[in-house]
């Protein structure tokens, strides 16, 4: 083995060339998976780099193999707690196409709201967004509860017509 440590500096390139192939083979035999073996080798050398001040070159090979084995065991423990999702499991979150459609619909609703008179817009928003009672809407707008019901109903109809016209274009 050539000098891998000169003046307290570890030659990681030399260490990698010397031990990576053996370490990979060891990790592959442990895991049986080439991708996992590559991950183990990479993580092993990262940990060696992080512990470079404590590296003893006389035992570096054993140190590397110990790290690799511990990483494999840690990976195995973690895998035991994970369950593979079946094909029938789907995310409950909307996909990109649904998100785009929802944004477009929201934009249409906001534009349609702007076509309503202010008092009608306020009435329908208080009812829909805040869930206010018709009595509270009436008090806020200074109208009767019956008038508040009519305003909300008519505003909803106008919104539905406006949005329907946009969809038919």
N, C-alpha and C. Protein backbone atom coordinates (compact mmCIF):
# COMPACT_ATOMS: atom_id res chain seq x y z
N UNK A 1 0.85 -1.17 0.00
CA UNK A 1 0.00 0.00 0.00
C UNK A 1 0.90 1.23 0.00
N UNK A 2 0.58 2.19 -0.89
CA UNK A 2 1.37 3.42 -0.94
C UNK A 2 0.98 4.34 0.22
N UNK A 3 1.76 5.33 0.43
CA UNK A 3 1.50 6.24 1.56
C UNK A 3 0.19 6.96 1.32
N UNK A 4 -0.76 6.73 2.23
CA UNK A 4 -2.07 7.34 2.07
C UNK A 4 -2.25 8.52 3.00
N UNK A 5 -1.30 8.74 3.87
CA UNK A 5 -1.41 9.86 4.79
C UNK A 5 -0.07 10.58 4.81
N UNK A 6 -0.11 11.83 4.41
CA UNK A 6 1.11 12.63 4.40
C UNK A 6 0.86 13.89 5.19
N UNK A 7 1.63 14.11 6.20
CA UNK A 7 1.50 15.31 7.03
C UNK A 7 0.06 15.52 7.50
N UNK A 8 -0.53 14.50 8.08
CA UNK A 8 -1.89 14.55 8.65
C UNK A 8 -2.97 14.76 7.60
N UNK A 9 -2.68 14.52 6.33
CA UNK A 9 -3.69 14.65 5.29
C UNK A 9 -3.97 13.26 4.73
N UNK A 10 -5.21 12.86 4.74
CA UNK A 10 -5.58 11.54 4.25
C UNK A 10 -5.81 11.61 2.75
N UNK A 11 -5.25 10.67 2.02
CA UNK A 11 -5.41 10.58 0.57
C UNK A 11 -6.67 9.77 0.29
N UNK A 12 -7.82 10.46 0.18
CA UNK A 12 -9.08 9.77 -0.02
C UNK A 12 -9.17 9.12 -1.39
N UNK A 13 -8.55 9.73 -2.38
CA UNK A 13 -8.53 9.12 -3.70
C UNK A 13 -7.85 7.76 -3.65
N UNK A 14 -6.73 7.71 -2.96
CA UNK A 14 -6.01 6.45 -2.81
C UNK A 14 -6.80 5.43 -2.01
N UNK A 15 -7.44 5.89 -0.92
CA UNK A 15 -8.27 4.99 -0.12
C UNK A 15 -9.43 4.45 -0.95
N UNK A 16 -10.03 5.33 -1.72
CA UNK A 16 -11.17 4.90 -2.54
C UNK A 16 -10.72 3.86 -3.57
N UNK A 17 -9.64 4.15 -4.27
CA UNK A 17 -9.14 3.20 -5.28
C UNK A 17 -8.75 1.88 -4.65
N UNK A 18 -8.22 1.92 -3.47
CA UNK A 18 -7.75 0.71 -2.81
C UNK A 18 -8.91 -0.15 -2.29
N UNK A 19 -9.93 0.48 -1.73
CA UNK A 19 -10.94 -0.28 -1.01
C UNK A 19 -12.34 -0.27 -1.61
N UNK A 20 -12.66 0.61 -2.52
CA UNK A 20 -14.03 0.75 -3.01
C UNK A 20 -14.55 -0.54 -3.66
N UNK A 21 -13.74 -1.17 -4.47
CA UNK A 21 -14.20 -2.38 -5.17
C UNK A 21 -14.51 -3.50 -4.17
N UNK A 22 -13.64 -3.70 -3.21
CA UNK A 22 -13.88 -4.74 -2.19
C UNK A 22 -15.08 -4.39 -1.31
N UNK A 23 -15.20 -3.12 -0.99
CA UNK A 23 -16.31 -2.66 -0.18
C UNK A 23 -17.63 -2.84 -0.92
N UNK A 24 -17.64 -2.53 -2.21
CA UNK A 24 -18.85 -2.71 -3.02
C UNK A 24 -19.24 -4.20 -3.06
N UNK A 25 -18.28 -5.06 -3.31
CA UNK A 25 -18.55 -6.49 -3.37
C UNK A 25 -19.12 -6.98 -2.03
N UNK A 26 -18.54 -6.51 -0.93
CA UNK A 26 -19.02 -6.85 0.40
C UNK A 26 -20.47 -6.38 0.59
N UNK A 27 -20.74 -5.13 0.23
CA UNK A 27 -22.09 -4.57 0.38
C UNK A 27 -23.09 -5.28 -0.53
N UNK A 28 -22.64 -5.67 -1.73
CA UNK A 28 -23.51 -6.39 -2.65
C UNK A 28 -23.86 -7.77 -2.09
N UNK A 29 -22.89 -8.45 -1.53
CA UNK A 29 -23.16 -9.76 -0.94
C UNK A 29 -24.10 -9.64 0.26
N UNK A 30 -23.95 -8.57 1.03
CA UNK A 30 -24.83 -8.36 2.18
C UNK A 30 -26.26 -8.06 1.74
N UNK A 31 -26.39 -7.12 0.82
CA UNK A 31 -27.72 -6.63 0.46
C UNK A 31 -28.37 -7.39 -0.68
N UNK A 32 -27.57 -7.90 -1.61
CA UNK A 32 -28.12 -8.56 -2.78
C UNK A 32 -28.71 -7.59 -3.79
N UNK A 33 -28.45 -6.31 -3.60
CA UNK A 33 -29.02 -5.29 -4.47
C UNK A 33 -27.92 -4.33 -4.88
N UNK A 34 -27.62 -4.23 -6.19
CA UNK A 34 -26.53 -3.35 -6.64
C UNK A 34 -26.73 -1.88 -6.26
N UNK A 35 -27.96 -1.40 -6.34
CA UNK A 35 -28.21 0.01 -5.99
C UNK A 35 -27.96 0.25 -4.50
N UNK A 36 -28.41 -0.67 -3.67
CA UNK A 36 -28.16 -0.53 -2.23
C UNK A 36 -26.68 -0.62 -1.93
N UNK A 37 -25.99 -1.50 -2.63
CA UNK A 37 -24.55 -1.65 -2.42
C UNK A 37 -23.83 -0.35 -2.77
N UNK A 38 -24.21 0.28 -3.88
CA UNK A 38 -23.60 1.55 -4.26
C UNK A 38 -23.88 2.62 -3.21
N UNK A 39 -25.10 2.66 -2.71
CA UNK A 39 -25.45 3.62 -1.66
C UNK A 39 -24.62 3.40 -0.40
N UNK A 40 -24.44 2.15 -0.04
CA UNK A 40 -23.66 1.82 1.15
C UNK A 40 -22.22 2.26 0.98
N UNK A 41 -21.63 2.00 -0.18
CA UNK A 41 -20.24 2.39 -0.43
C UNK A 41 -20.11 3.92 -0.38
N UNK A 42 -21.03 4.61 -1.02
CA UNK A 42 -20.98 6.08 -1.01
C UNK A 42 -21.07 6.63 0.41
N UNK A 43 -22.06 6.14 1.14
CA UNK A 43 -22.26 6.62 2.51
C UNK A 43 -21.07 6.25 3.40
N UNK A 44 -20.47 5.11 3.15
CA UNK A 44 -19.29 4.70 3.93
C UNK A 44 -18.16 5.70 3.75
N UNK A 45 -17.90 6.09 2.51
CA UNK A 45 -16.81 7.03 2.28
C UNK A 45 -17.16 8.44 2.77
N UNK A 46 -18.43 8.78 2.77
CA UNK A 46 -18.84 10.07 3.34
C UNK A 46 -18.57 10.07 4.84
N UNK A 47 -18.89 8.98 5.48
CA UNK A 47 -18.65 8.89 6.93
C UNK A 47 -17.15 8.87 7.24
N UNK A 48 -16.39 8.24 6.38
CA UNK A 48 -14.94 8.26 6.55
C UNK A 48 -14.44 9.70 6.43
N UNK A 49 -14.94 10.43 5.47
CA UNK A 49 -14.54 11.82 5.27
C UNK A 49 -14.89 12.65 6.51
N UNK A 50 -16.08 12.44 7.04
CA UNK A 50 -16.51 13.19 8.22
C UNK A 50 -15.69 12.86 9.46
N UNK A 51 -15.10 11.67 9.49
CA UNK A 51 -14.29 11.25 10.64
C UNK A 51 -12.80 11.31 10.31
N UNK A 52 -12.41 12.09 9.34
CA UNK A 52 -11.03 12.10 8.85
C UNK A 52 -9.99 12.44 9.92
N UNK A 53 -10.41 13.18 10.92
CA UNK A 53 -9.44 13.53 11.97
C UNK A 53 -9.13 12.33 12.87
N UNK A 54 -9.99 11.32 12.84
CA UNK A 54 -9.81 10.14 13.70
C UNK A 54 -9.37 8.91 12.91
N UNK A 55 -9.06 9.07 11.63
CA UNK A 55 -8.71 7.93 10.79
C UNK A 55 -7.34 7.39 11.18
N UNK A 56 -7.31 6.09 11.46
CA UNK A 56 -6.05 5.40 11.73
C UNK A 56 -5.82 4.49 10.52
N UNK A 57 -4.83 4.84 9.73
CA UNK A 57 -4.61 4.12 8.48
C UNK A 57 -4.24 2.67 8.67
N UNK A 58 -3.79 2.30 9.85
CA UNK A 58 -3.44 0.89 10.07
C UNK A 58 -4.69 0.02 10.18
N UNK A 59 -5.83 0.64 10.53
CA UNK A 59 -7.07 -0.12 10.67
C UNK A 59 -8.18 0.42 9.77
N UNK A 60 -7.82 1.20 8.76
CA UNK A 60 -8.84 1.86 7.93
C UNK A 60 -9.71 0.86 7.19
N UNK A 61 -9.15 -0.26 6.74
CA UNK A 61 -9.96 -1.25 6.01
C UNK A 61 -11.04 -1.83 6.93
N UNK A 62 -10.68 -2.20 8.12
CA UNK A 62 -11.65 -2.73 9.08
C UNK A 62 -12.70 -1.67 9.41
N UNK A 63 -12.24 -0.43 9.55
CA UNK A 63 -13.15 0.68 9.84
C UNK A 63 -14.18 0.83 8.72
N UNK A 64 -13.73 0.80 7.47
CA UNK A 64 -14.63 0.94 6.32
C UNK A 64 -15.65 -0.21 6.28
N UNK A 65 -15.19 -1.43 6.48
CA UNK A 65 -16.09 -2.57 6.44
C UNK A 65 -17.09 -2.55 7.60
N UNK A 66 -16.65 -2.06 8.74
CA UNK A 66 -17.55 -1.93 9.89
C UNK A 66 -18.64 -0.91 9.59
N UNK A 67 -18.24 0.21 9.01
CA UNK A 67 -19.23 1.23 8.65
C UNK A 67 -20.22 0.65 7.64
N UNK A 68 -19.71 -0.03 6.62
CA UNK A 68 -20.58 -0.61 5.58
C UNK A 68 -21.56 -1.60 6.19
N UNK A 69 -21.08 -2.45 7.07
CA UNK A 69 -21.97 -3.43 7.71
C UNK A 69 -23.03 -2.74 8.55
N UNK A 70 -22.62 -1.75 9.32
CA UNK A 70 -23.59 -1.01 10.14
C UNK A 70 -24.64 -0.29 9.28
N UNK A 71 -24.20 0.26 8.16
CA UNK A 71 -25.16 0.91 7.25
C UNK A 71 -26.15 -0.10 6.69
N UNK A 72 -25.64 -1.27 6.33
CA UNK A 72 -26.53 -2.32 5.83
C UNK A 72 -27.54 -2.71 6.90
N UNK A 73 -27.09 -2.91 8.12
CA UNK A 73 -28.00 -3.30 9.20
C UNK A 73 -29.03 -2.20 9.48
N UNK A 74 -28.58 -0.96 9.43
CA UNK A 74 -29.50 0.17 9.63
C UNK A 74 -30.53 0.20 8.51
N UNK A 75 -30.09 -0.01 7.29
CA UNK A 75 -30.99 -0.03 6.13
C UNK A 75 -32.00 -1.17 6.27
N UNK A 76 -31.54 -2.31 6.75
CA UNK A 76 -32.40 -3.47 6.92
C UNK A 76 -33.47 -3.21 7.99
N UNK A 77 -33.05 -2.57 9.10
CA UNK A 77 -34.02 -2.23 10.15
C UNK A 77 -35.06 -1.24 9.62
N UNK A 78 -34.61 -0.27 8.89
CA UNK A 78 -35.52 0.72 8.33
C UNK A 78 -36.48 0.07 7.34
N UNK A 79 -35.97 -0.81 6.51
CA UNK A 79 -36.81 -1.49 5.52
C UNK A 79 -37.86 -2.35 6.20
N UNK A 80 -37.56 -2.90 7.36
CA UNK A 80 -38.52 -3.71 8.09
C UNK A 80 -39.70 -2.90 8.58
N UNK A 81 -39.51 -1.61 8.73
CA UNK A 81 -40.60 -0.73 9.19
C UNK A 81 -41.36 -0.12 8.03
N UNK A 82 -40.89 -0.33 6.83
CA UNK A 82 -41.54 0.25 5.66
C UNK A 82 -42.40 -0.80 4.98
N UNK A 83 -43.50 -0.36 4.44
CA UNK A 83 -44.41 -1.23 3.73
C UNK A 83 -44.55 -0.70 2.31
N UNK A 84 -44.44 -1.59 1.36
CA UNK A 84 -44.56 -1.17 -0.03
C UNK A 84 -46.03 -0.92 -0.34
N UNK A 85 -46.30 0.18 -1.00
CA UNK A 85 -47.67 0.52 -1.36
C UNK A 85 -48.09 -0.29 -2.57
N UNK A 86 -49.30 -0.78 -2.53
CA UNK A 86 -49.84 -1.51 -3.67
C UNK A 86 -50.26 -0.55 -4.78
N UNK A 87 -50.56 -1.10 -5.91
CA UNK A 87 -50.96 -0.27 -7.05
C UNK A 87 -52.31 0.40 -6.82
N UNK A 88 -53.15 -0.21 -5.97
CA UNK A 88 -54.48 0.34 -5.75
C UNK A 88 -54.47 1.56 -4.83
N UNK A 89 -53.36 1.83 -4.19
CA UNK A 89 -53.26 2.99 -3.30
C UNK A 89 -52.92 4.22 -4.14
N UNK A 90 -53.72 5.21 -4.01
CA UNK A 90 -53.50 6.45 -4.75
C UNK A 90 -53.41 7.61 -3.78
N UNK A 91 -52.70 8.60 -4.17
CA UNK A 91 -52.60 9.80 -3.35
C UNK A 91 -53.95 10.49 -3.32
N UNK A 92 -54.29 11.02 -2.18
CA UNK A 92 -55.54 11.76 -2.06
C UNK A 92 -55.38 13.20 -2.51
N UNK A 93 -54.14 13.58 -2.74
CA UNK A 93 -53.89 14.93 -3.20
C UNK A 93 -54.20 15.04 -4.68
N UNK A 94 -54.68 16.18 -5.10
CA UNK A 94 -54.96 16.33 -6.53
C UNK A 94 -53.68 16.34 -7.35
N UNK A 95 -53.77 15.78 -8.53
CA UNK A 95 -52.62 15.76 -9.43
C UNK A 95 -52.43 17.11 -10.08
N UNK A 96 -51.37 17.27 -10.85
CA UNK A 96 -51.09 18.56 -11.49
C UNK A 96 -52.22 19.03 -12.40
N UNK A 97 -52.84 18.10 -13.13
CA UNK A 97 -53.93 18.50 -14.01
C UNK A 97 -55.14 18.99 -13.22
N UNK A 98 -55.44 18.33 -12.11
CA UNK A 98 -56.54 18.78 -11.27
C UNK A 98 -56.23 20.13 -10.62
N UNK A 99 -54.99 20.32 -10.20
CA UNK A 99 -54.60 21.59 -9.60
C UNK A 99 -54.76 22.72 -10.61
N UNK A 100 -54.32 22.48 -11.85
CA UNK A 100 -54.44 23.51 -12.89
C UNK A 100 -55.90 23.81 -13.18
N UNK A 101 -56.73 22.78 -13.24
CA UNK A 101 -58.15 22.99 -13.50
C UNK A 101 -58.80 23.76 -12.34
N UNK A 102 -58.42 23.40 -11.11
CA UNK A 102 -58.98 24.10 -9.94
C UNK A 102 -58.58 25.57 -9.95
N UNK A 103 -57.32 25.85 -10.31
CA UNK A 103 -56.88 27.25 -10.38
C UNK A 103 -57.66 28.01 -11.44
N UNK A 104 -57.90 27.35 -12.57
CA UNK A 104 -58.65 27.98 -13.65
C UNK A 104 -60.10 28.25 -13.21
N UNK A 105 -60.70 27.27 -12.53
CA UNK A 105 -62.07 27.45 -12.04
C UNK A 105 -62.13 28.57 -11.00
N UNK A 106 -61.15 28.63 -10.13
CA UNK A 106 -61.12 29.70 -9.12
C UNK A 106 -61.00 31.06 -9.79
N UNK A 107 -60.16 31.14 -10.80
CA UNK A 107 -60.00 32.39 -11.54
C UNK A 107 -61.33 32.80 -12.17
N UNK A 108 -62.06 31.84 -12.73
CA UNK A 108 -63.37 32.13 -13.34
C UNK A 108 -64.38 32.60 -12.29
N UNK A 109 -64.37 31.95 -11.12
CA UNK A 109 -65.30 32.34 -10.05
C UNK A 109 -64.98 33.74 -9.55
N UNK A 110 -63.68 34.03 -9.37
CA UNK A 110 -63.30 35.37 -8.91
C UNK A 110 -63.69 36.44 -9.93
N UNK A 111 -63.51 36.12 -11.20
CA UNK A 111 -63.91 37.08 -12.25
C UNK A 111 -65.42 37.26 -12.25
N UNK A 112 -66.17 36.16 -12.09
CA UNK A 112 -67.63 36.25 -12.06
C UNK A 112 -68.10 37.03 -10.84
N UNK A 113 -67.43 36.87 -9.71
CA UNK A 113 -67.79 37.62 -8.51
C UNK A 113 -67.66 39.13 -8.75
N UNK A 114 -66.66 39.52 -9.52
CA UNK A 114 -66.44 40.94 -9.78
C UNK A 114 -67.56 41.55 -10.61
N UNK A 115 -68.34 40.73 -11.32
CA UNK A 115 -69.45 41.26 -12.13
C UNK A 115 -70.69 41.55 -11.29
N UNK A 116 -70.74 41.04 -10.06
CA UNK A 116 -71.89 41.26 -9.18
C UNK A 116 -71.82 42.64 -8.54
N UNK A 117 -72.98 43.23 -8.27
CA UNK A 117 -72.97 44.46 -7.48
C UNK A 117 -72.34 44.19 -6.11
N UNK A 118 -71.73 45.19 -5.53
CA UNK A 118 -70.96 45.02 -4.29
C UNK A 118 -71.78 44.41 -3.18
N UNK A 119 -73.02 44.86 -2.98
CA UNK A 119 -73.84 44.36 -1.88
C UNK A 119 -74.18 42.88 -2.11
N UNK A 120 -74.44 42.49 -3.35
CA UNK A 120 -74.72 41.08 -3.65
C UNK A 120 -73.47 40.22 -3.44
N UNK A 121 -72.33 40.73 -3.90
CA UNK A 121 -71.06 40.02 -3.74
C UNK A 121 -70.78 39.83 -2.25
N UNK A 122 -70.96 40.88 -1.44
CA UNK A 122 -70.73 40.79 -0.01
C UNK A 122 -71.67 39.77 0.63
N UNK A 123 -72.93 39.77 0.23
CA UNK A 123 -73.91 38.84 0.80
C UNK A 123 -73.54 37.39 0.50
N UNK A 124 -73.22 37.10 -0.75
CA UNK A 124 -72.91 35.71 -1.11
C UNK A 124 -71.59 35.26 -0.48
N UNK A 125 -70.62 36.15 -0.37
CA UNK A 125 -69.35 35.79 0.26
C UNK A 125 -69.50 35.55 1.75
N UNK A 126 -70.30 36.37 2.41
CA UNK A 126 -70.53 36.16 3.85
C UNK A 126 -71.19 34.82 4.10
N UNK A 127 -72.11 34.45 3.23
CA UNK A 127 -72.82 33.18 3.41
C UNK A 127 -71.91 31.99 3.05
N UNK A 128 -71.21 32.10 1.93
CA UNK A 128 -70.42 30.96 1.44
C UNK A 128 -69.11 30.82 2.20
N UNK A 129 -68.38 31.91 2.34
CA UNK A 129 -67.05 31.83 2.92
C UNK A 129 -67.09 31.75 4.44
N UNK A 130 -67.85 32.61 5.06
CA UNK A 130 -67.87 32.67 6.51
C UNK A 130 -68.99 31.84 7.13
N UNK A 131 -69.94 31.39 6.31
CA UNK A 131 -71.05 30.59 6.83
C UNK A 131 -71.96 31.38 7.76
N UNK A 132 -72.03 32.66 7.51
CA UNK A 132 -72.84 33.52 8.38
C UNK A 132 -74.33 33.21 8.18
N UNK A 133 -75.09 33.43 9.24
CA UNK A 133 -76.55 33.25 9.15
C UNK A 133 -77.13 34.42 8.38
N UNK A 134 -78.34 34.19 7.86
CA UNK A 134 -79.00 35.27 7.10
C UNK A 134 -79.29 36.48 8.00
N UNK A 135 -79.56 36.23 9.27
CA UNK A 135 -79.79 37.34 10.20
C UNK A 135 -78.52 38.18 10.37
N UNK A 136 -77.35 37.51 10.48
CA UNK A 136 -76.09 38.23 10.62
C UNK A 136 -75.74 38.99 9.34
N UNK A 137 -76.02 38.38 8.20
CA UNK A 137 -75.77 39.05 6.92
C UNK A 137 -76.66 40.29 6.82
N UNK A 138 -77.91 40.13 7.18
CA UNK A 138 -78.86 41.25 7.14
C UNK A 138 -78.39 42.38 8.04
N UNK A 139 -77.92 42.06 9.24
CA UNK A 139 -77.44 43.08 10.16
C UNK A 139 -76.20 43.78 9.60
N UNK A 140 -75.30 43.01 8.99
CA UNK A 140 -74.07 43.59 8.45
C UNK A 140 -74.35 44.51 7.26
N UNK A 141 -75.35 44.16 6.47
CA UNK A 141 -75.64 44.95 5.26
C UNK A 141 -76.75 45.98 5.48
N UNK A 142 -77.38 45.93 6.64
CA UNK A 142 -78.44 46.89 6.95
C UNK A 142 -79.71 46.62 6.14
N UNK A 143 -80.02 45.35 5.92
CA UNK A 143 -81.24 44.95 5.20
C UNK A 143 -81.97 43.91 6.04
N UNK A 144 -83.16 43.51 5.59
CA UNK A 144 -83.92 42.50 6.32
C UNK A 144 -83.35 41.10 6.04
N UNK A 145 -83.67 40.15 6.90
CA UNK A 145 -83.21 38.78 6.71
C UNK A 145 -83.77 38.20 5.41
N UNK A 146 -85.02 38.52 5.09
CA UNK A 146 -85.63 38.05 3.84
C UNK A 146 -84.87 38.61 2.64
N UNK A 147 -84.51 39.90 2.69
CA UNK A 147 -83.76 40.51 1.60
C UNK A 147 -82.37 39.87 1.48
N UNK A 148 -81.77 39.50 2.60
CA UNK A 148 -80.46 38.85 2.57
C UNK A 148 -80.56 37.49 1.88
N UNK A 149 -81.64 36.74 2.17
CA UNK A 149 -81.84 35.44 1.51
C UNK A 149 -81.99 35.63 0.00
N UNK A 150 -82.77 36.62 -0.39
CA UNK A 150 -82.99 36.87 -1.82
C UNK A 150 -81.68 37.28 -2.49
N UNK A 151 -80.91 38.16 -1.88
CA UNK A 151 -79.64 38.61 -2.45
C UNK A 151 -78.68 37.43 -2.65
N UNK A 152 -78.56 36.58 -1.64
CA UNK A 152 -77.67 35.42 -1.74
C UNK A 152 -78.14 34.49 -2.85
N UNK A 153 -79.44 34.22 -2.88
CA UNK A 153 -79.98 33.32 -3.91
C UNK A 153 -79.74 33.88 -5.31
N UNK A 154 -80.07 35.14 -5.52
CA UNK A 154 -79.90 35.76 -6.84
C UNK A 154 -78.42 35.83 -7.23
N UNK A 155 -77.55 36.12 -6.28
CA UNK A 155 -76.12 36.20 -6.58
C UNK A 155 -75.59 34.83 -7.00
N UNK A 156 -76.05 33.79 -6.32
CA UNK A 156 -75.63 32.43 -6.70
C UNK A 156 -76.09 32.09 -8.11
N UNK A 157 -77.32 32.45 -8.42
CA UNK A 157 -77.84 32.18 -9.78
C UNK A 157 -77.02 32.94 -10.83
N UNK A 158 -76.72 34.21 -10.55
CA UNK A 158 -75.94 35.01 -11.50
C UNK A 158 -74.53 34.43 -11.68
N UNK A 159 -73.92 33.98 -10.59
CA UNK A 159 -72.60 33.36 -10.67
C UNK A 159 -72.65 32.08 -11.51
N UNK A 160 -73.66 31.26 -11.26
CA UNK A 160 -73.79 30.00 -12.00
C UNK A 160 -73.97 30.27 -13.49
N UNK A 161 -74.80 31.25 -13.83
CA UNK A 161 -75.00 31.61 -15.25
C UNK A 161 -73.71 32.13 -15.89
N UNK A 162 -73.00 32.99 -15.19
CA UNK A 162 -71.78 33.58 -15.73
C UNK A 162 -70.72 32.49 -15.96
N UNK A 163 -70.57 31.61 -15.01
CA UNK A 163 -69.58 30.53 -15.13
C UNK A 163 -70.00 29.56 -16.22
N UNK A 164 -71.28 29.25 -16.29
CA UNK A 164 -71.79 28.34 -17.32
C UNK A 164 -71.53 28.89 -18.72
N UNK A 165 -71.74 30.19 -18.89
CA UNK A 165 -71.48 30.83 -20.20
C UNK A 165 -70.01 30.71 -20.57
N UNK A 166 -69.12 30.91 -19.59
CA UNK A 166 -67.67 30.81 -19.85
C UNK A 166 -67.30 29.38 -20.26
N UNK A 167 -67.91 28.39 -19.61
CA UNK A 167 -67.58 27.00 -19.92
C UNK A 167 -68.09 26.60 -21.31
N UNK A 168 -69.15 27.21 -21.77
CA UNK A 168 -69.72 26.88 -23.08
C UNK A 168 -69.01 27.58 -24.22
N UNK A 169 -68.12 28.51 -23.91
CA UNK A 169 -67.40 29.22 -24.99
C UNK A 169 -66.34 28.39 -25.59
